[in-house]
Protein backbone atom coordinates (compact mmCIF):
# COMPACT_ATOMS: atom_id res chain seq x y z
CA MET A 1 89.19 105.97 78.95
CA GLY A 2 87.16 103.87 81.10
CA MET A 3 87.08 101.80 83.99
CA TYR A 4 89.23 98.66 84.00
CA LEU A 5 89.58 95.69 86.34
CA VAL A 6 93.50 95.06 86.98
CA SER A 7 95.59 93.22 88.90
CA VAL A 8 97.45 94.79 91.99
CA GLY A 9 101.45 94.49 91.97
CA ILE A 10 103.69 94.04 95.25
CA GLU A 11 104.76 97.69 94.71
CA ASP A 12 101.17 99.25 94.73
CA TRP A 13 100.10 96.95 97.65
CA THR A 14 102.91 97.61 99.79
CA LEU A 15 102.53 100.96 99.47
CA GLY A 16 99.05 101.70 99.77
CA GLU A 17 96.76 101.32 102.76
CA CYS A 18 94.54 98.45 102.44
CA GLY A 19 97.10 95.60 103.16
CA PRO A 20 97.27 96.54 107.05
CA LEU A 21 93.71 97.54 107.27
CA LEU A 22 92.57 94.19 105.51
CA ASP A 23 94.85 92.17 107.74
CA GLU A 24 93.11 94.04 110.86
CA ALA A 25 89.49 93.05 109.39
CA LEU A 26 90.64 89.37 108.63
CA ALA A 27 91.90 89.31 112.39
CA THR A 28 88.65 90.10 113.51
CA ARG A 29 87.23 86.80 111.44
CA ASN A 30 90.12 85.27 113.31
CA LEU A 31 91.33 84.65 109.92
CA PRO A 32 95.13 84.69 109.18
CA PRO A 33 96.71 88.22 107.31
CA TYR A 34 96.86 88.09 103.77
CA PRO A 35 100.40 88.01 102.78
CA GLY A 36 100.37 90.22 99.60
CA PRO A 37 100.57 89.68 96.24
CA PRO A 38 103.72 87.79 95.17
CA ALA A 39 106.96 89.51 93.65
CA THR A 40 106.07 88.19 90.33
CA ALA A 41 102.74 87.37 89.00
CA ALA A 42 101.00 87.94 85.51
CA ASP A 43 99.15 90.93 84.86
CA PHE A 44 95.26 90.86 84.81
CA GLU A 45 93.44 93.65 83.15
CA GLU A 46 89.99 94.20 81.09
CA LYS A 47 88.21 97.12 80.33
CA LEU A 48 84.62 97.19 81.49
CA VAL A 49 81.89 97.61 78.65
CA PRO A 50 79.12 99.97 79.64
CA SER A 51 75.81 98.85 80.95
CA MET A 52 76.23 95.97 83.57
CA ASP A 53 72.23 95.85 84.01
CA ASP A 54 71.20 92.73 82.45
CA PHE A 55 74.57 90.85 83.97
CA ALA A 56 73.37 92.43 87.23
CA GLU A 57 69.77 91.01 86.93
CA LEU A 58 71.38 87.51 86.12
CA CYS A 59 73.52 87.69 89.26
CA ALA A 60 70.44 88.83 91.18
CA ARG A 61 68.69 85.52 90.02
CA HIS A 62 71.24 83.46 91.68
CA ASP A 63 71.84 85.40 94.95
CA ALA A 64 75.08 86.55 93.78
CA THR A 65 75.13 90.62 93.94
CA ASP A 66 77.81 91.24 96.69
CA PHE A 67 80.59 91.06 94.61
CA LEU A 68 79.01 93.86 92.04
CA ASP A 69 79.58 96.19 95.01
CA ALA A 70 83.29 95.33 95.61
CA SER A 71 86.33 97.57 94.54
CA LEU A 72 88.83 94.87 95.50
CA ILE A 73 88.87 91.13 95.13
CA VAL A 74 91.60 89.22 97.37
CA PRO A 75 92.15 85.66 97.01
CA VAL A 76 91.27 85.16 100.57
CA ASP A 77 88.19 82.89 101.39
CA PHE A 78 85.74 84.94 103.90
CA THR A 79 81.97 85.72 103.59
CA GLY A 80 80.30 88.90 102.63
CA LEU A 81 82.14 92.17 102.05
CA ILE A 82 84.61 93.85 104.34
CA GLU A 83 84.65 97.54 104.02
CA LEU A 84 87.84 99.44 104.70
CA PRO A 85 87.98 103.02 105.31
CA VAL A 86 90.11 103.80 102.38
CA GLU A 87 89.13 105.86 99.53
CA ASN A 88 89.23 104.68 96.14
CA THR A 89 89.22 105.75 92.63
CA TYR A 90 85.25 105.32 92.57
CA ASP A 91 84.07 105.80 96.43
CA ASP A 92 85.25 106.64 99.82
CA VAL A 93 85.54 103.37 101.14
CA THR A 94 86.91 100.24 99.50
CA LYS A 95 84.90 97.34 99.86
CA VAL A 96 86.77 93.75 99.65
CA PHE A 97 85.18 90.65 98.12
CA SER A 98 86.65 87.39 98.24
CA ALA A 99 88.01 85.73 95.08
CA HIS A 100 86.91 82.23 96.24
CA ARG A 101 83.47 83.23 96.62
CA LEU A 102 83.38 85.02 93.41
CA HIS A 103 84.42 81.81 91.71
CA ALA A 104 81.87 80.00 93.35
CA ALA A 105 79.09 82.60 92.76
CA ILE A 106 79.94 83.24 88.87
CA ALA A 107 80.06 79.19 88.26
CA PRO A 108 76.26 78.30 88.29
CA ILE A 109 76.16 81.73 86.14
CA ALA A 110 78.51 80.56 83.62
CA ALA A 111 76.76 77.08 83.85
CA GLU A 112 73.45 78.88 82.91
CA ILE A 113 74.68 80.88 79.89
CA ARG A 114 76.44 78.07 78.72
CA LEU A 115 79.69 80.00 79.03
CA PRO A 116 82.09 78.58 76.10
CA ALA A 117 85.29 76.84 76.96
CA GLY A 118 88.74 78.16 75.82
CA LEU A 119 87.79 81.86 76.05
CA PRO A 120 91.08 84.07 75.33
CA THR A 121 93.38 84.76 78.27
CA GLY A 122 95.84 87.69 78.86
CA PRO A 123 95.56 91.39 79.36
CA MET A 124 92.35 92.55 77.38
CA ALA A 125 91.76 89.67 75.90
CA LEU A 126 88.05 89.35 76.27
CA THR A 127 87.38 92.86 75.39
CA GLY A 128 88.06 92.41 71.96
CA ALA A 129 86.79 88.82 72.01
CA ILE A 130 83.31 88.83 73.29
CA ASP A 131 80.38 91.42 72.06
CA ASP A 132 77.61 90.15 74.26
CA ARG A 133 77.77 92.04 77.58
CA ILE A 134 76.31 89.22 79.44
CA THR A 135 78.64 86.92 78.43
CA PHE A 136 81.56 89.46 78.43
CA TYR A 137 81.01 89.77 82.11
CA VAL A 138 80.46 86.23 83.11
CA ALA A 139 83.55 85.64 81.56
CA LEU A 140 85.49 88.50 83.23
CA PHE A 141 84.36 87.91 86.55
CA GLN A 142 85.20 84.01 86.18
CA GLN A 143 88.69 84.93 84.63
CA ALA A 144 89.36 87.48 87.37
CA ALA A 145 88.48 85.09 90.11
CA ALA A 146 90.55 82.26 88.53
CA HIS A 147 93.66 84.63 88.00
CA SER A 148 93.17 85.91 91.58
CA LEU A 149 93.48 82.62 93.19
CA ARG A 150 95.89 81.24 90.79
CA HIS A 151 98.40 83.82 91.17
CA GLY A 152 97.76 84.80 94.59
CA CYS A 153 96.99 88.90 93.74
CA PRO A 154 94.39 91.22 94.17
CA LEU A 155 92.20 92.84 91.43
CA THR A 156 90.72 96.53 91.73
CA TYR A 157 89.18 98.86 89.49
CA VAL A 158 90.95 101.85 88.10
């Protein structure tokens, strides 16, 4: 078992409560609604390894910690976190973060640790390939943001 960061498919998105509530929250920011994930998109899945403390400290040095509180990452550009009154697996509210902002936040961190190019991609590819926790988390969030933006799909924790 454990905690996984996974892509959300169209069926789960359509049946869930987050879509309409996110659209309302985006409207209050004068942003268009998020149309939801496409009918077909590649799956994203990575298992989180214990202890993010060192990674969280690295993010704090870059003033990039908001995404650590998120439980849903969406391919919509907005600032800060959006809180939705929807219970999820780990909290009584769903905190939404922009994949655009995650991509921008993780880039200088990846540069600082000299994240290698050509890391494996695909479901569970990083989990088995990277032993160093900081490198793993930087690669995980970099690939999560890229996947969300490239495929237009949200990601969540299960």
